[in-house]
C-alpha atoms as a PDB file:
ATOM      1  CA  UNK A   1       0.006  -0.024   0.002  1.00  0.00           C
ATOM      2  CA  UNK A   2       2.899   2.365   0.762  1.00  0.00           C
ATOM      3  CA  UNK A   3       4.329   1.792  -2.722  1.00  0.00           C
ATOM      4  CA  UNK A   4       0.946   2.573  -4.295  1.00  0.00           C
ATOM      5  CA  UNK A   5       0.656   5.835  -2.360  1.00  0.00           C
ATOM      6  CA  UNK A   6       4.154   6.794  -3.547  1.00  0.00           C
ATOM      7  CA  UNK A   7       3.171   6.079  -7.144  1.00  0.00           C
ATOM      8  CA  UNK A   8       0.013   8.173  -6.827  1.00  0.00           C
ATOM      9  CA  UNK A   9       2.012  11.081  -5.393  1.00  0.00           C
ATOM     10  CA  UNK A  10       4.492  10.890  -8.297  1.00  0.00           C
ATOM     11  CA  UNK A  11       1.615  10.846 -10.793  1.00  0.00           C
ATOM     12  CA  UNK A  12      -0.239  13.754  -9.164  1.00  0.00           C
ATOM     13  CA  UNK A  13       2.945  15.838  -9.121  1.00  0.00           C
ATOM     14  CA  UNK A  14       3.690  14.742 -12.717  1.00  0.00           C
ATOM     15  CA  UNK A  15       7.232  14.016 -11.535  1.00  0.00           C
ATOM     16  CA  UNK A  16       8.582  10.504 -12.125  1.00  0.00           C
ATOM     17  CA  UNK A  17      11.844  11.514 -10.458  1.00  0.00           C
ATOM     18  CA  UNK A  18       9.933  12.220  -7.224  1.00  0.00           C
ATOM     19  CA  UNK A  19       9.415   8.493  -6.816  1.00  0.00           C
ATOM     20  CA  UNK A  20      13.135   7.944  -6.046  1.00  0.00           C
ATOM     21  CA  UNK A  21      13.053  10.492  -3.214  1.00  0.00           C
ATOM     22  CA  UNK A  22       9.956   9.256  -1.440  1.00  0.00           C
ATOM     23  CA  UNK A  23      10.226   7.153   1.730  1.00  0.00           C
ATOM     24  CA  UNK A  24       7.549   5.912   4.145  1.00  0.00           C
ATOM     25  CA  UNK A  25       8.515   8.754   6.474  1.00  0.00           C
ATOM     26  CA  UNK A  26       8.106  11.454   3.810  1.00  0.00           C
ATOM     27  CA  UNK A  27       5.807  14.294   4.958  1.00  0.00           C
ATOM     28  CA  UNK A  28       3.116  14.603   2.285  1.00  0.00           C
ATOM     29  CA  UNK A  29       2.326  18.236   3.099  1.00  0.00           C
ATOM     30  CA  UNK A  30       5.785  19.682   3.807  1.00  0.00           C
ATOM     31  CA  UNK A  31       8.073  17.569   1.575  1.00  0.00           C
ATOM     32  CA  UNK A  32       5.908  16.712  -1.390  1.00  0.00           C
ATOM     33  CA  UNK A  33       4.167  20.056  -1.495  1.00  0.00           C
ATOM     34  CA  UNK A  34       0.796  19.357  -3.025  1.00  0.00           C
ATOM     35  CA  UNK A  35      -1.237  22.456  -3.884  1.00  0.00           C
ATOM     36  CA  UNK A  36      -4.970  22.492  -3.097  1.00  0.00           C
ATOM     37  CA  UNK A  37      -6.034  21.011  -6.466  1.00  0.00           C
ATOM     38  CA  UNK A  38      -3.340  18.337  -6.307  1.00  0.00           C
ATOM     39  CA  UNK A  39      -4.493  17.517  -2.743  1.00  0.00           C
ATOM     40  CA  UNK A  40      -8.075  16.949  -3.961  1.00  0.00           C
ATOM     41  CA  UNK A  41      -6.794  14.806  -6.882  1.00  0.00           C
ATOM     42  CA  UNK A  42      -4.610  12.855  -4.457  1.00  0.00           C
ATOM     43  CA  UNK A  43      -7.477  12.071  -2.076  1.00  0.00           C
ATOM     44  CA  UNK A  44      -9.726  11.030  -4.966  1.00  0.00           C
ATOM     45  CA  UNK A  45      -6.993   8.827  -6.409  1.00  0.00           C
ATOM     46  CA  UNK A  46      -6.455   7.192  -2.990  1.00  0.00           C
ATOM     47  CA  UNK A  47     -10.150   6.443  -2.679  1.00  0.00           C
ATOM     48  CA  UNK A  48     -10.355   5.056  -6.219  1.00  0.00           C
ATOM     49  CA  UNK A  49      -7.175   2.986  -5.965  1.00  0.00           C
ATOM     50  CA  UNK A  50      -8.010   1.353  -2.684  1.00  0.00           C
ATOM     51  CA  UNK A  51     -11.816   1.235  -2.996  1.00  0.00           C
ATOM     52  CA  UNK A  52     -12.154   3.380   0.100  1.00  0.00           C
ATOM     53  CA  UNK A  53     -14.315   6.280   1.130  1.00  0.00           C
ATOM     54  CA  UNK A  54     -12.319   8.482   3.483  1.00  0.00           C
ATOM     55  CA  UNK A  55     -14.412   9.563   6.506  1.00  0.00           C
ATOM     56  CA  UNK A  56     -13.438  13.216   7.019  1.00  0.00           C
ATOM     57  CA  UNK A  57     -15.003  13.090  10.478  1.00  0.00           C
ATOM     58  CA  UNK A  58     -12.085  10.922  11.604  1.00  0.00           C
ATOM     59  CA  UNK A  59      -9.458  12.260   9.196  1.00  0.00           C
ATOM     60  CA  UNK A  60      -6.902  14.652  10.650  1.00  0.00           C
ATOM     61  CA  UNK A  61      -4.101  16.803   9.272  1.00  0.00           C
ATOM     62  CA  UNK A  62      -1.716  14.618  11.269  1.00  0.00           C
ATOM     63  CA  UNK A  63      -2.519  11.676   8.988  1.00  0.00           C
ATOM     64  CA  UNK A  64      -0.714  13.541   6.177  1.00  0.00           C
ATOM     65  CA  UNK A  65       2.525  13.968   8.185  1.00  0.00           C
ATOM     66  CA  UNK A  66       3.981  10.870   6.567  1.00  0.00           C
ATOM     67  CA  UNK A  67       3.113   8.327   3.933  1.00  0.00           C
ATOM     68  CA  UNK A  68       3.160   5.534   6.526  1.00  0.00           C
ATOM     69  CA  UNK A  69       0.771   7.440   8.837  1.00  0.00           C
ATOM     70  CA  UNK A  70      -1.656   7.895   5.945  1.00  0.00           C
ATOM     71  CA  UNK A  71      -1.462   4.184   5.114  1.00  0.00           C
ATOM     72  CA  UNK A  72      -2.041   3.266   8.763  1.00  0.00           C
ATOM     73  CA  UNK A  73      -5.094   5.541   8.809  1.00  0.00           C
ATOM     74  CA  UNK A  74      -6.428   4.016   5.584  1.00  0.00           C
ATOM     75  CA  UNK A  75      -5.903   0.482   6.870  1.00  0.00           C
ATOM     76  CA  UNK A  76      -7.823   1.274  10.068  1.00  0.00           C
ATOM     77  CA  UNK A  77     -10.678   2.943   8.203  1.00  0.00           C
ATOM     78  CA  UNK A  78     -11.392   0.336   5.501  1.00  0.00           C
ATOM     79  CA  UNK A  79     -14.714   1.950   4.814  1.00  0.00           C
ATOM     80  CA  UNK A  80     -15.406   0.433   1.398  1.00  0.00           C
ATOM     81  CA  UNK A  81     -17.545   2.043  -1.235  1.00  0.00           C
ATOM     82  CA  UNK A  82     -20.511  -0.161  -2.131  1.00  0.00           C
END
């Protein structure tokens, strides 16, 4: 799942070279630097890729502080789209 998130980030940023710099500890907000439109595209791509619906009642800014924290949040949520 971590690798898939890294791939999505590289695609959203349209930067294949970004892939080689990403690590599980990479801060999605501070280090990747998604703008607001890219952030929306990223969240939609995450939902589509993993068949999830992110519950923004339980989602927190802290979940974007690293790729691994986001993946942990997604694994705990597992709210699937029917």
